[in-house]
C-alpha atoms as a PDB file:
ATOM      1  CA  MET A   1       0.000   0.000   0.000  1.00  0.00           C
ATOM      2  CA  SER A   2       1.378   3.399  -0.895  1.00  0.00           C
ATOM      3  CA  ASP A   3       2.088   5.992   1.780  1.00  0.00           C
ATOM      4  CA  GLU A   4      -0.512   8.265   0.187  1.00  0.00           C
ATOM      5  CA  ILE A   5      -3.274   5.657   0.479  1.00  0.00           C
ATOM      6  CA  PHE A   6      -2.229   4.810   4.039  1.00  0.00           C
ATOM      7  CA  GLU A   7      -2.356   8.477   5.071  1.00  0.00           C
ATOM      8  CA  GLU A   8      -5.787   8.828   3.429  1.00  0.00           C
ATOM      9  CA  PHE A   9      -6.948   5.790   5.363  1.00  0.00           C
ATOM     10  CA  LYS A  10      -5.650   7.121   8.689  1.00  0.00           C
ATOM     11  CA  LYS A  11      -7.298  10.483   8.051  1.00  0.00           C
ATOM     12  CA  ASN A  12     -10.721   9.301   6.870  1.00  0.00           C
ATOM     13  CA  ALA A  13     -11.302   5.762   8.167  1.00  0.00           C
ATOM     14  CA  ARG A  14     -14.326   5.327  10.418  1.00  0.00           C
ATOM     15  CA  GLU A  15     -15.188   2.452  12.740  1.00  0.00           C
ATOM     16  CA  TYR A  16     -17.805  -0.114  11.771  1.00  0.00           C
ATOM     17  CA  VAL A  17     -19.263  -3.093  13.571  1.00  0.00           C
ATOM     18  CA  ALA A  18     -20.289  -6.313  11.839  1.00  0.00           C
ATOM     19  CA  LYS A  19     -24.009  -6.963  11.579  1.00  0.00           C
ATOM     20  CA  PRO A  20     -25.286  -9.825  13.715  1.00  0.00           C
ATOM     21  CA  VAL A  21     -25.513 -12.943  11.576  1.00  0.00           C
ATOM     22  CA  VAL A  22     -26.870 -16.313  12.661  1.00  0.00           C
ATOM     23  CA  ILE A  23     -24.947 -19.298  11.293  1.00  0.00           C
ATOM     24  CA  LYS A  24     -25.151 -23.035  11.901  1.00  0.00           C
ATOM     25  CA  ALA A  25     -22.037 -24.968  12.943  1.00  0.00           C
ATOM     26  CA  VAL A  26     -20.901 -28.358  14.168  1.00  0.00           C
ATOM     27  CA  ARG A  27     -17.581 -29.485  15.679  1.00  0.00           C
ATOM     28  CA  LEU A  28     -15.665 -31.832  13.383  1.00  0.00           C
ATOM     29  CA  ARG A  29     -14.828 -35.304  14.705  1.00  0.00           C
ATOM     30  CA  LYS A  30     -12.401 -36.080  11.877  1.00  0.00           C
ATOM     31  CA  GLN A  31     -10.475 -34.305   9.126  1.00  0.00           C
ATOM     32  CA  ILE A  32     -12.519 -33.465   6.016  1.00  0.00           C
ATOM     33  CA  LYS A  33     -11.975 -31.705   2.700  1.00  0.00           C
ATOM     34  CA  ILE A  34     -14.567 -29.125   1.625  1.00  0.00           C
ATOM     35  CA  SER A  35     -14.974 -27.579  -1.831  1.00  0.00           C
ATOM     36  CA  THR A  36     -15.553 -23.831  -1.456  1.00  0.00           C
ATOM     37  CA  GLU A  37     -15.607 -20.797  -3.755  1.00  0.00           C
ATOM     38  CA  ASP A  38     -11.981 -20.265  -2.710  1.00  0.00           C
ATOM     39  CA  GLY A  39     -10.936 -23.836  -3.570  1.00  0.00           C
ATOM     40  CA  VAL A  40     -10.629 -26.977  -1.476  1.00  0.00           C
ATOM     41  CA  MET A  41     -10.217 -26.317   2.245  1.00  0.00           C
ATOM     42  CA  THR A  42      -9.298 -28.815   4.956  1.00  0.00           C
ATOM     43  CA  GLY A  43     -11.185 -28.956   8.225  1.00  0.00           C
ATOM     44  CA  LYS A  44      -9.224 -30.722  10.958  1.00  0.00           C
ATOM     45  CA  ARG A  45     -10.569 -32.713  13.897  1.00  0.00           C
ATOM     46  CA  GLY A  46     -11.739 -30.161  16.481  1.00  0.00           C
ATOM     47  CA  ASP A  47     -12.377 -27.414  13.914  1.00  0.00           C
ATOM     48  CA  TRP A  48     -15.901 -26.162  13.295  1.00  0.00           C
ATOM     49  CA  LEU A  49     -17.833 -26.723  10.066  1.00  0.00           C
ATOM     50  CA  ILE A  50     -19.919 -23.621   9.402  1.00  0.00           C
ATOM     51  CA  GLN A  51     -22.862 -23.119   7.081  1.00  0.00           C
ATOM     52  CA  GLY A  52     -22.877 -19.464   6.118  1.00  0.00           C
ATOM     53  CA  THR A  53     -25.768 -17.162   5.306  1.00  0.00           C
ATOM     54  CA  GLN A  54     -25.724 -18.110   1.602  1.00  0.00           C
ATOM     55  CA  GLY A  55     -25.767 -21.864   2.360  1.00  0.00           C
ATOM     56  CA  GLU A  56     -22.008 -22.211   1.788  1.00  0.00           C
ATOM     57  CA  PHE A  57     -19.870 -24.470   4.007  1.00  0.00           C
ATOM     58  CA  TYR A  58     -16.373 -23.774   5.303  1.00  0.00           C
ATOM     59  CA  PRO A  59     -14.126 -24.891   8.191  1.00  0.00           C
ATOM     60  CA  CYS A  60     -13.085 -22.605  11.033  1.00  0.00           C
ATOM     61  CA  THR A  61     -10.414 -23.116  13.695  1.00  0.00           C
ATOM     62  CA  PRO A  62     -11.602 -23.139  17.330  1.00  0.00           C
ATOM     63  CA  VAL A  63      -9.648 -19.987  18.202  1.00  0.00           C
ATOM     64  CA  VAL A  64     -11.248 -17.964  15.408  1.00  0.00           C
ATOM     65  CA  PHE A  65     -14.659 -19.536  16.025  1.00  0.00           C
ATOM     66  CA  PHE A  66     -14.761 -18.560  19.702  1.00  0.00           C
ATOM     67  CA  LYS A  67     -13.502 -15.033  18.956  1.00  0.00           C
ATOM     68  CA  LYS A  68     -16.210 -14.475  16.365  1.00  0.00           C
ATOM     69  CA  TYR A  69     -19.289 -16.445  17.462  1.00  0.00           C
ATOM     70  CA  SER A  70     -21.432 -16.910  20.531  1.00  0.00           C
ATOM     71  CA  LYS A  71     -23.836 -19.784  20.729  1.00  0.00           C
ATOM     72  CA  ILE A  72     -27.549 -19.285  21.180  1.00  0.00           C
ATOM     73  CA  LEU A  73     -27.800 -21.376  24.346  1.00  0.00           C
ATOM     74  CA  ASN A  74     -30.355 -23.154  26.371  1.00  0.00           C
ATOM     75  CA  GLU A  75     -29.537 -23.712  30.032  1.00  0.00           C
ATOM     76  CA  ALA A  76     -28.228 -27.269  29.578  1.00  0.00           C
ATOM     77  CA  GLU A  77     -25.697 -26.186  26.921  1.00  0.00           C
ATOM     78  CA  GLN A  78     -24.112 -23.312  28.876  1.00  0.00           C
ATOM     79  CA  ALA A  79     -21.509 -25.364  30.816  1.00  0.00           C
ATOM     80  CA  GLU A  80     -20.213 -27.225  27.744  1.00  0.00           C
ATOM     81  CA  TRP A  81     -19.928 -23.985  25.770  1.00  0.00           C
ATOM     82  CA  GLU A  82     -17.949 -22.291  28.536  1.00  0.00           C
ATOM     83  CA  LYS A  83     -15.607 -25.305  28.756  1.00  0.00           C
ATOM     84  CA  ASN A  84     -14.891 -25.191  24.998  1.00  0.00           C
ATOM     85  CA  GLU A  85     -14.398 -21.435  25.094  1.00  0.00           C
ATOM     86  CA  LYS A  86     -11.869 -21.751  27.951  1.00  0.00           C
ATOM     87  CA  GLU A  87      -9.962 -24.434  25.992  1.00  0.00           C
ATOM     88  CA  ALA A  88      -9.706 -22.138  22.964  1.00  0.00           C
ATOM     89  CA  LYS A  89      -8.531 -19.201  25.099  1.00  0.00           C
ATOM     90  CA  ARG A  90      -5.950 -21.401  26.868  1.00  0.00           C
ATOM     91  CA  PHE A  91      -4.671 -22.600  23.467  1.00  0.00           C
ATOM     92  CA  LEU A  92      -4.427 -19.010  22.238  1.00  0.00           C
ATOM     93  CA  LEU A  93      -2.443 -17.912  25.310  1.00  0.00           C
ATOM     94  CA  HIS A  94       0.002 -20.826  25.008  1.00  0.00           C
ATOM     95  CA  SER A  95       0.481 -20.445  21.253  1.00  0.00           C
ATOM     96  CA  ARG A  96       1.570 -16.780  21.296  1.00  0.00           C
ATOM     97  CA  PRO A  97       5.309 -16.205  20.980  1.00  0.00           C
ATOM     98  CA  SER A  98       6.930 -14.622  24.000  1.00  0.00           C
ATOM     99  CA  ILE A  99       8.185 -11.057  23.621  1.00  0.00           C
ATOM    100  CA  SER A 100      11.683 -10.448  24.928  1.00  0.00           C
END
């Protein structure tokens, strides 16, 4: 990106928030290959398989999934969701390189 475009961005960029979107997802029990508009993607065991708003399917890593989505829960599902979310956060903390 040129310096001119970057300066224009810094000067005029405004903040936006993503619209709430409801998706369907399931945790993968084994590795799968999925044909998408962007080519063949691999979903690994433990990843999430998402059906998007246009009916498309794609895999998502647990770390990204828990950053981006919250489950619409009933009372019985709350504990399991919190457990999975904590696992993803713990993985994220342990996978960051240390800064010296």
